[in-house]
Amino acid sequence: MTYYDDLTKDKKRVNSFKRAIYEKTSGITYDLGTGSGILAQLAANHAKKVYALEQNPFIIKSTKKNLSKYDNIELIKTDASRYEFPEKADTIICEMLDTALIDEEQVPVINNAHKYIKEDTVFIPKSVYSTVEIISTNINHITYYEDNIPEYISLSDEIKYHSISFQDVICEKVNVEISINIMKAGKINALKITTYTILTDNIILEPTPMLNPPIIVPVDCMDVDVDDEIIINMEYIMGGGLNTLKTNIRRNK
C-alpha cells in the first residue's frame, strides 16, 4: 500500500473535501498537487474543466489511469509553485497541507496561484489556523503525534497562535510570541502544535490519520506551577521544512 492509498482510505478527510468540493466547485478549476487524482475526480462532476497538476514522477502514471475516463480533466506534470495558469481560476483546490503548513508547499503554491485568480475565485480549503499547547512527554526530538503516541500530559490550555486565509497572498515566514498560563504543575519539556482546516464556512476539519497530525516539539525543561505565565517564541517558514522550526520558552517574571 502506498502513501496515496492511505490518503484515499482516510474517509474523514476524503468525505469532508467531497462535501466542500460539491458545495463550492464551478467553472475553471485547478487541483494543485492532485496526487492520485481523487479530488480532481470529485471536482469534475461540478466544474467545466479541471486542470490537475502533479510533479511526482512515481505517481503520475497511476494518476493518469485514474483520470482517464474524465473528458474534462487535463493532467499536467509540473511544479505547481511555478506553473503558469492558461485560464483564470474559478475554483482552486489545494490539499498540500501539513501541520502549521511547515513541511508541505501549500503556501508557495497558493501564492503562485494568486497571479491567476478572479475577484470571486473560491479556494478549497478556505483557511487554516494553528494552536499550541504546553506539555510534558518522554520524547527528545520533533515527532508527529499519531495513534495517541507519544503519550503526554497537558500543562496548559490549547491556544490559537496563527491563522491564514488562502484568499490572500501569504507571508511565508512565521515569527510569533505567545503567552500561556500554566493550568497544571509539572515539568515542561515540549510543545504540541495542532492545525485545523477550514474547508468552507460550514466545514472545519480537525486532524485526521492522513491530514495534519499534530507535531510534538521538544523545548528546554522547566519546572512550573499553576498560574505561571510562560512566554513562547516560535519561528518557521511555511513550506520550508521542519528544519526551519525554532522555539524557546521562558517564564514571565
C-alpha atoms as a PDB file:
ATOM      1  CA  MET A   1       0.000   0.000   0.000  1.00  0.00           C
ATOM      2  CA  THR A   2       1.336   3.452  -0.944  1.00  0.00           C
ATOM      3  CA  TYR A   3       1.100   6.814   0.791  1.00  0.00           C
ATOM      4  CA  TYR A   4      -1.581   7.799  -1.750  1.00  0.00           C
ATOM      5  CA  ASP A   5      -3.606   4.684  -0.937  1.00  0.00           C
ATOM      6  CA  ASP A   6      -3.523   5.719   2.719  1.00  0.00           C
ATOM      7  CA  LEU A   7      -4.761   9.197   1.785  1.00  0.00           C
ATOM      8  CA  THR A   8      -7.667   7.731  -0.179  1.00  0.00           C
ATOM      9  CA  LYS A   9      -8.643   5.432   2.687  1.00  0.00           C
ATOM     10  CA  ASP A  10      -8.828   8.312   5.181  1.00  0.00           C
ATOM     11  CA  LYS A  11     -12.631   8.587   4.952  1.00  0.00           C
ATOM     12  CA  LYS A  12     -12.991  11.601   7.241  1.00  0.00           C
ATOM     13  CA  ARG A  13     -10.528  13.572   5.110  1.00  0.00           C
ATOM     14  CA  VAL A  14     -11.993  12.486   1.774  1.00  0.00           C
ATOM     15  CA  ASN A  15     -15.640  12.932   2.761  1.00  0.00           C
ATOM     16  CA  SER A  16     -15.020  16.408   4.163  1.00  0.00           C
ATOM     17  CA  PHE A  17     -13.292  17.531   0.976  1.00  0.00           C
ATOM     18  CA  LYS A  18     -16.063  15.902  -1.060  1.00  0.00           C
ATOM     19  CA  ARG A  19     -18.707  17.972   0.734  1.00  0.00           C
ATOM     20  CA  ALA A  20     -16.730  21.174   0.210  1.00  0.00           C
ATOM     21  CA  ILE A  21     -15.979  20.435  -3.452  1.00  0.00           C
ATOM     22  CA  TYR A  22     -19.601  19.560  -4.248  1.00  0.00           C
ATOM     23  CA  GLU A  23     -20.762  22.738  -2.494  1.00  0.00           C
ATOM     24  CA  LYS A  24     -18.260  25.215  -3.949  1.00  0.00           C
ATOM     25  CA  THR A  25     -16.706  23.988  -7.220  1.00  0.00           C
ATOM     26  CA  SER A  26     -17.618  25.571 -10.560  1.00  0.00           C
ATOM     27  CA  GLY A  27     -16.157  26.720 -13.866  1.00  0.00           C
ATOM     28  CA  ILE A  28     -12.410  26.510 -14.455  1.00  0.00           C
ATOM     29  CA  THR A  29     -10.922  24.526 -11.574  1.00  0.00           C
ATOM     30  CA  TYR A  30      -7.328  23.762 -10.626  1.00  0.00           C
ATOM     31  CA  ASP A  31      -6.392  20.835  -8.377  1.00  0.00           C
ATOM     32  CA  LEU A  32      -2.869  21.716  -7.274  1.00  0.00           C
ATOM     33  CA  GLY A  33      -0.850  18.695  -6.187  1.00  0.00           C
ATOM     34  CA  THR A  34      -3.515  16.252  -7.343  1.00  0.00           C
ATOM     35  CA  GLY A  35      -1.679  13.113  -6.141  1.00  0.00           C
ATOM     36  CA  SER A  36      -3.840  10.127  -7.046  1.00  0.00           C
ATOM     37  CA  GLY A  37      -6.420  12.483  -8.587  1.00  0.00           C
ATOM     38  CA  ILE A  38      -9.239  11.747  -6.160  1.00  0.00           C
ATOM     39  CA  LEU A  39     -10.118  15.408  -5.552  1.00  0.00           C
ATOM     40  CA  ALA A  40      -9.915  16.202  -9.270  1.00  0.00           C
ATOM     41  CA  GLN A  41     -12.390  13.391  -9.910  1.00  0.00           C
ATOM     42  CA  LEU A  42     -14.798  14.868  -7.375  1.00  0.00           C
ATOM     43  CA  ALA A  43     -14.398  18.323  -8.897  1.00  0.00           C
ATOM     44  CA  ALA A  44     -15.014  17.064 -12.437  1.00  0.00           C
ATOM     45  CA  ASN A  45     -18.660  16.446 -11.558  1.00  0.00           C
ATOM     46  CA  HIS A  46     -19.210  20.183 -10.995  1.00  0.00           C
ATOM     47  CA  ALA A  47     -16.518  22.005 -12.993  1.00  0.00           C
ATOM     48  CA  LYS A  48     -16.420  22.982 -16.635  1.00  0.00           C
ATOM     49  CA  LYS A  49     -12.776  21.903 -16.755  1.00  0.00           C
ATOM     50  CA  VAL A  50     -10.261  20.676 -14.199  1.00  0.00           C
ATOM     51  CA  TYR A  51      -6.521  21.205 -14.545  1.00  0.00           C
ATOM     52  CA  ALA A  52      -4.918  18.549 -12.314  1.00  0.00           C
ATOM     53  CA  LEU A  53      -1.271  19.366 -11.518  1.00  0.00           C
ATOM     54  CA  GLU A  54       1.231  16.836 -10.167  1.00  0.00           C
ATOM     55  CA  GLN A  55       5.040  16.708 -10.307  1.00  0.00           C
ATOM     56  CA  ASN A  56       5.771  13.403  -8.534  1.00  0.00           C
ATOM     57  CA  PRO A  57       7.066  11.044 -11.267  1.00  0.00           C
ATOM     58  CA  PHE A  58       6.303   7.966  -9.143  1.00  0.00           C
ATOM     59  CA  ILE A  59       2.546   8.638  -9.017  1.00  0.00           C
ATOM     60  CA  ILE A  60       1.827  10.300 -12.362  1.00  0.00           C
ATOM     61  CA  LYS A  61       1.311   7.055 -14.323  1.00  0.00           C
ATOM     62  CA  SER A  62      -1.360   5.727 -11.978  1.00  0.00           C
ATOM     63  CA  THR A  63      -2.924   9.191 -11.712  1.00  0.00           C
ATOM     64  CA  LYS A  64      -3.280   9.304 -15.490  1.00  0.00           C
ATOM     65  CA  LYS A  65      -5.083   5.964 -15.369  1.00  0.00           C
ATOM     66  CA  ASN A  66      -7.369   7.150 -12.566  1.00  0.00           C
ATOM     67  CA  LEU A  67      -8.370  10.252 -14.524  1.00  0.00           C
ATOM     68  CA  SER A  68      -8.591   8.692 -17.987  1.00  0.00           C
ATOM     69  CA  LYS A  69     -12.385   8.410 -18.089  1.00  0.00           C
ATOM     70  CA  TYR A  70     -12.948  12.111 -17.390  1.00  0.00           C
ATOM     71  CA  ASP A  71     -13.144  14.199 -20.563  1.00  0.00           C
ATOM     72  CA  ASN A  72     -12.978  17.482 -18.645  1.00  0.00           C
ATOM     73  CA  ILE A  73      -9.790  16.758 -16.658  1.00  0.00           C
ATOM     74  CA  GLU A  74      -6.356  17.647 -18.036  1.00  0.00           C
ATOM     75  CA  LEU A  75      -3.455  16.098 -16.101  1.00  0.00           C
ATOM     76  CA  ILE A  76      -0.292  18.193 -16.220  1.00  0.00           C
ATOM     77  CA  LYS A  77       3.110  17.107 -14.889  1.00  0.00           C
ATOM     78  CA  THR A  78       4.521  20.291 -13.421  1.00  0.00           C
ATOM     79  CA  ASP A  79       5.661  22.127 -10.309  1.00  0.00           C
ATOM     80  CA  ALA A  80       2.516  23.902  -9.108  1.00  0.00           C
ATOM     81  CA  SER A  81       4.552  26.642  -7.412  1.00  0.00           C
ATOM     82  CA  ARG A  82       5.877  27.771 -10.824  1.00  0.00           C
ATOM     83  CA  TYR A  83       3.072  26.806 -13.189  1.00  0.00           C
ATOM     84  CA  GLU A  84       1.589  29.489 -15.467  1.00  0.00           C
ATOM     85  CA  PHE A  85      -2.190  29.020 -15.471  1.00  0.00           C
ATOM     86  CA  PRO A  86      -3.648  29.039 -19.021  1.00  0.00           C
ATOM     87  CA  GLU A  87      -7.013  30.344 -17.738  1.00  0.00           C
ATOM     88  CA  LYS A  88      -8.165  32.383 -14.767  1.00  0.00           C
ATOM     89  CA  ALA A  89      -9.407  30.176 -11.946  1.00  0.00           C
ATOM     90  CA  ASP A  90     -12.976  29.988 -10.695  1.00  0.00           C
ATOM     91  CA  THR A  91     -12.018  27.360  -8.110  1.00  0.00           C
ATOM     92  CA  ILE A  92      -8.655  26.375  -6.644  1.00  0.00           C
ATOM     93  CA  ILE A  93      -8.331  23.108  -4.727  1.00  0.00           C
ATOM     94  CA  CYS A  94      -5.033  22.531  -2.952  1.00  0.00           C
ATOM     95  CA  GLU A  95      -4.516  19.840  -0.335  1.00  0.00           C
ATOM     96  CA  MET A  96      -0.772  20.141   0.060  1.00  0.00           C
ATOM     97  CA  LEU A  97      -1.318  20.528   3.768  1.00  0.00           C
ATOM     98  CA  ASP A  98       0.841  19.771   6.781  1.00  0.00           C
ATOM     99  CA  THR A  99       0.735  20.815  10.424  1.00  0.00           C
ATOM    100  CA  ALA A 100       1.358  24.584  10.624  1.00  0.00           C
ATOM    101  CA  LEU A 101       1.971  24.326   6.831  1.00  0.00           C
ATOM    102  CA  ILE A 102       5.670  23.828   7.558  1.00  0.00           C
ATOM    103  CA  ASP A 103       6.620  20.675   5.695  1.00  0.00           C
ATOM    104  CA  GLU A 104       4.477  20.899   2.539  1.00  0.00           C
ATOM    105  CA  GLU A 105       4.357  23.502  -0.240  1.00  0.00           C
ATOM    106  CA  GLN A 106       0.775  24.721   0.222  1.00  0.00           C
ATOM    107  CA  VAL A 107       1.803  28.331   0.836  1.00  0.00           C
ATOM    108  CA  PRO A 108       4.251  28.851  -2.085  1.00  0.00           C
ATOM    109  CA  VAL A 109       1.807  27.042  -4.380  1.00  0.00           C
ATOM    110  CA  ILE A 110      -1.127  29.216  -3.298  1.00  0.00           C
ATOM    111  CA  ASN A 111       0.973  32.373  -3.619  1.00  0.00           C
ATOM    112  CA  ASN A 112       1.759  31.432  -7.214  1.00  0.00           C
ATOM    113  CA  ALA A 113      -1.936  30.755  -7.891  1.00  0.00           C
ATOM    114  CA  HIS A 114      -2.808  34.304  -6.814  1.00  0.00           C
ATOM    115  CA  LYS A 115      -1.374  35.562 -10.106  1.00  0.00           C
ATOM    116  CA  TYR A 116      -4.241  33.848 -11.911  1.00  0.00           C
ATOM    117  CA  ILE A 117      -7.354  34.374  -9.819  1.00  0.00           C
ATOM    118  CA  LYS A 118     -10.526  36.397 -10.232  1.00  0.00           C
ATOM    119  CA  GLU A 119     -12.147  38.644  -7.674  1.00  0.00           C
ATOM    120  CA  ASP A 120     -14.525  35.822  -6.696  1.00  0.00           C
ATOM    121  CA  THR A 121     -12.219  32.784  -7.025  1.00  0.00           C
ATOM    122  CA  VAL A 122     -13.078  30.122  -4.433  1.00  0.00           C
ATOM    123  CA  PHE A 123     -10.281  28.385  -2.512  1.00  0.00           C
ATOM    124  CA  ILE A 124     -10.723  24.891  -1.044  1.00  0.00           C
ATOM    125  CA  PRO A 125      -9.656  24.843   1.738  1.00  0.00           C
ATOM    126  CA  LYS A 126     -10.523  28.427   2.583  1.00  0.00           C
ATOM    127  CA  SER A 127      -8.143  28.893   5.512  1.00  0.00           C
ATOM    128  CA  VAL A 128      -6.317  27.216   8.392  1.00  0.00           C
ATOM    129  CA  TYR A 129      -5.402  28.073  11.952  1.00  0.00           C
ATOM    130  CA  SER A 130      -2.861  26.580  14.341  1.00  0.00           C
ATOM    131  CA  THR A 131      -2.737  26.162  18.115  1.00  0.00           C
ATOM    132  CA  VAL A 132      -0.011  25.461  20.652  1.00  0.00           C
ATOM    133  CA  GLU A 133      -0.184  23.629  23.975  1.00  0.00           C
ATOM    134  CA  ILE A 134       2.480  23.209  26.670  1.00  0.00           C
ATOM    135  CA  ILE A 135       3.060  19.548  27.543  1.00  0.00           C
ATOM    136  CA  SER A 136       5.261  17.079  29.366  1.00  0.00           C
ATOM    137  CA  THR A 137       6.319  13.949  27.474  1.00  0.00           C
ATOM    138  CA  ASN A 138       9.176  11.469  27.179  1.00  0.00           C
ATOM    139  CA  ILE A 139      10.454  12.336  23.688  1.00  0.00           C
ATOM    140  CA  ASN A 140      13.513  14.449  22.859  1.00  0.00           C
ATOM    141  CA  HIS A 141      13.085  15.005  19.116  1.00  0.00           C
ATOM    142  CA  ILE A 142      10.456  16.515  16.811  1.00  0.00           C
ATOM    143  CA  THR A 143       7.809  13.921  16.006  1.00  0.00           C
ATOM    144  CA  TYR A 144       4.222  13.657  14.808  1.00  0.00           C
ATOM    145  CA  TYR A 145       1.515  12.710  17.311  1.00  0.00           C
ATOM    146  CA  GLU A 146      -0.287   9.711  15.803  1.00  0.00           C
ATOM    147  CA  ASP A 147      -2.432   6.952  17.308  1.00  0.00           C
ATOM    148  CA  ASN A 148      -2.056   8.568  20.757  1.00  0.00           C
ATOM    149  CA  ILE A 149       1.728   8.213  20.576  1.00  0.00           C
ATOM    150  CA  PRO A 150       3.784   9.616  22.212  1.00  0.00           C
ATOM    151  CA  GLU A 151       1.932   9.835  25.499  1.00  0.00           C
ATOM    152  CA  TYR A 152       1.941  13.267  27.113  1.00  0.00           C
ATOM    153  CA  ILE A 153       0.492  15.314  29.975  1.00  0.00           C
ATOM    154  CA  SER A 154      -1.065  18.669  29.113  1.00  0.00           C
ATOM    155  CA  LEU A 155       0.059  21.527  31.354  1.00  0.00           C
ATOM    156  CA  SER A 156      -1.874  24.360  29.667  1.00  0.00           C
ATOM    157  CA  ASP A 157      -4.897  25.185  27.566  1.00  0.00           C
ATOM    158  CA  GLU A 158      -4.644  24.920  23.772  1.00  0.00           C
ATOM    159  CA  ILE A 159      -4.011  28.475  22.489  1.00  0.00           C
ATOM    160  CA  LYS A 160      -4.633  29.691  18.939  1.00  0.00           C
ATOM    161  CA  TYR A 161      -1.496  31.498  17.767  1.00  0.00           C
ATOM    162  CA  HIS A 162      -1.648  31.780  13.968  1.00  0.00           C
ATOM    163  CA  SER A 163      -4.225  31.827  11.165  1.00  0.00           C
ATOM    164  CA  ILE A 164      -4.087  32.439   7.430  1.00  0.00           C
ATOM    165  CA  SER A 165      -6.615  32.828   4.629  1.00  0.00           C
ATOM    166  CA  PHE A 166      -5.733  31.305   1.275  1.00  0.00           C
ATOM    167  CA  GLN A 167      -7.741  34.076  -0.365  1.00  0.00           C
ATOM    168  CA  ASP A 168      -4.831  36.420   0.436  1.00  0.00           C
ATOM    169  CA  VAL A 169      -1.166  36.377  -0.594  1.00  0.00           C
ATOM    170  CA  ILE A 170       0.655  34.859   2.384  1.00  0.00           C
ATOM    171  CA  CYS A 171       3.905  35.786   4.090  1.00  0.00           C
ATOM    172  CA  GLU A 172       5.799  32.501   4.304  1.00  0.00           C
ATOM    173  CA  LYS A 173       7.733  33.466   7.451  1.00  0.00           C
ATOM    174  CA  VAL A 174       6.093  32.995  10.848  1.00  0.00           C
ATOM    175  CA  ASN A 175       7.603  34.655  13.921  1.00  0.00           C
ATOM    176  CA  VAL A 176       5.322  34.810  16.956  1.00  0.00           C
ATOM    177  CA  GLU A 177       5.472  35.388  20.693  1.00  0.00           C
ATOM    178  CA  ILE A 178       2.771  33.613  22.701  1.00  0.00           C
ATOM    179  CA  SER A 179       1.806  33.985  26.353  1.00  0.00           C
ATOM    180  CA  ILE A 180       0.265  30.920  28.067  1.00  0.00           C
ATOM    181  CA  ASN A 181      -0.736  30.389  31.686  1.00  0.00           C
ATOM    182  CA  ILE A 182       0.064  27.040  33.276  1.00  0.00           C
ATOM    183  CA  MET A 183      -3.021  25.065  34.347  1.00  0.00           C
ATOM    184  CA  LYS A 184      -1.251  22.092  35.942  1.00  0.00           C
ATOM    185  CA  ALA A 185       2.049  21.985  37.830  1.00  0.00           C
ATOM    186  CA  GLY A 186       4.758  19.818  36.301  1.00  0.00           C
ATOM    187  CA  LYS A 187       7.840  19.818  34.078  1.00  0.00           C
ATOM    188  CA  ILE A 188       7.635  21.455  30.655  1.00  0.00           C
ATOM    189  CA  ASN A 189       9.725  19.734  28.012  1.00  0.00           C
ATOM    190  CA  ALA A 190       7.711  20.016  24.791  1.00  0.00           C
ATOM    191  CA  LEU A 191       5.040  21.866  22.818  1.00  0.00           C
ATOM    192  CA  LYS A 192       2.168  20.339  20.866  1.00  0.00           C
ATOM    193  CA  ILE A 193       1.239  22.173  17.649  1.00  0.00           C
ATOM    194  CA  THR A 194      -2.155  21.393  16.076  1.00  0.00           C
ATOM    195  CA  THR A 195      -3.657  22.698  12.827  1.00  0.00           C
ATOM    196  CA  TYR A 196      -7.348  22.952  11.907  1.00  0.00           C
ATOM    197  CA  THR A 197      -8.515  23.236   8.291  1.00  0.00           C
ATOM    198  CA  ILE A 198     -11.481  25.420   7.328  1.00  0.00           C
ATOM    199  CA  LEU A 199     -12.714  23.926   4.065  1.00  0.00           C
ATOM    200  CA  THR A 200     -15.768  26.209   3.892  1.00  0.00           C
ATOM    201  CA  ASP A 201     -17.584  28.409   6.395  1.00  0.00           C
ATOM    202  CA  ASN A 202     -19.525  25.321   7.479  1.00  0.00           C
ATOM    203  CA  ILE A 203     -16.855  22.603   7.307  1.00  0.00           C
ATOM    204  CA  ILE A 204     -13.949  22.646   9.781  1.00  0.00           C
ATOM    205  CA  LEU A 205     -11.673  19.614   9.679  1.00  0.00           C
ATOM    206  CA  GLU A 206      -9.629  18.554  12.696  1.00  0.00           C
ATOM    207  CA  PRO A 207      -6.505  16.424  12.234  1.00  0.00           C
ATOM    208  CA  THR A 208      -7.205  13.009  10.704  1.00  0.00           C
ATOM    209  CA  PRO A 209      -4.920   9.971  10.269  1.00  0.00           C
ATOM    210  CA  MET A 210      -3.607  11.395   6.967  1.00  0.00           C
ATOM    211  CA  LEU A 211      -4.168  15.125   7.427  1.00  0.00           C
ATOM    212  CA  ASN A 212      -2.139  17.374   9.716  1.00  0.00           C
ATOM    213  CA  PRO A 213      -1.250  15.078  12.626  1.00  0.00           C
ATOM    214  CA  PRO A 214      -0.057  17.352  15.478  1.00  0.00           C
ATOM    215  CA  ILE A 215       3.666  17.978  15.919  1.00  0.00           C
ATOM    216  CA  ILE A 216       5.431  17.430  19.245  1.00  0.00           C
ATOM    217  CA  VAL A 217       8.361  19.852  19.563  1.00  0.00           C
ATOM    218  CA  PRO A 218      10.922  19.491  22.381  1.00  0.00           C
ATOM    219  CA  VAL A 219      11.911  22.582  24.394  1.00  0.00           C
ATOM    220  CA  ASP A 220      14.249  23.169  27.327  1.00  0.00           C
ATOM    221  CA  CYS A 221      12.970  21.585  30.540  1.00  0.00           C
ATOM    222  CA  MET A 222      11.380  23.858  33.106  1.00  0.00           C
ATOM    223  CA  ASP A 223       9.501  23.157  36.335  1.00  0.00           C
ATOM    224  CA  VAL A 224       6.269  25.151  36.530  1.00  0.00           C
ATOM    225  CA  ASP A 225       3.436  25.812  38.968  1.00  0.00           C
ATOM    226  CA  VAL A 226      -0.215  26.635  38.395  1.00  0.00           C
ATOM    227  CA  ASP A 227      -0.736  30.213  37.096  1.00  0.00           C
ATOM    228  CA  ASP A 228       2.883  30.635  35.969  1.00  0.00           C
ATOM    229  CA  GLU A 229       2.962  32.678  32.755  1.00  0.00           C
ATOM    230  CA  ILE A 230       5.150  31.138  30.060  1.00  0.00           C
ATOM    231  CA  ILE A 231       6.339  33.059  27.007  1.00  0.00           C
ATOM    232  CA  ILE A 232       6.885  31.007  23.851  1.00  0.00           C
ATOM    233  CA  ASN A 233       8.871  32.355  20.916  1.00  0.00           C
ATOM    234  CA  MET A 234       8.389  30.360  17.738  1.00  0.00           C
ATOM    235  CA  GLU A 235       9.507  30.864  14.162  1.00  0.00           C
ATOM    236  CA  TYR A 236       9.461  28.816  10.963  1.00  0.00           C
ATOM    237  CA  ILE A 237       8.991  29.087   7.208  1.00  0.00           C
ATOM    238  CA  MET A 238       5.785  27.664   5.768  1.00  0.00           C
ATOM    239  CA  GLY A 239       6.888  25.293   3.033  1.00  0.00           C
ATOM    240  CA  GLY A 240      10.481  25.486   4.281  1.00  0.00           C
ATOM    241  CA  GLY A 241      10.546  22.188   6.166  1.00  0.00           C
ATOM    242  CA  LEU A 242      10.745  21.194   9.818  1.00  0.00           C
ATOM    243  CA  ASN A 243      14.409  22.192   9.965  1.00  0.00           C
ATOM    244  CA  THR A 244      13.256  25.850   9.872  1.00  0.00           C
ATOM    245  CA  LEU A 245      11.257  25.441  13.102  1.00  0.00           C
ATOM    246  CA  LYS A 246      12.862  27.174  16.100  1.00  0.00           C
ATOM    247  CA  THR A 247      11.336  27.548  19.557  1.00  0.00           C
ATOM    248  CA  ASN A 248      12.279  28.740  23.001  1.00  0.00           C
ATOM    249  CA  ILE A 249      10.389  29.334  26.228  1.00  0.00           C
ATOM    250  CA  ARG A 250      10.840  31.460  29.310  1.00  0.00           C
ATOM    251  CA  ARG A 251       8.936  32.252  32.467  1.00  0.00           C
ATOM    252  CA  ASN A 252       7.493  35.758  32.561  1.00  0.00           C
ATOM    253  CA  LYS A 253       8.675  37.170  35.859  1.00  0.00           C
END
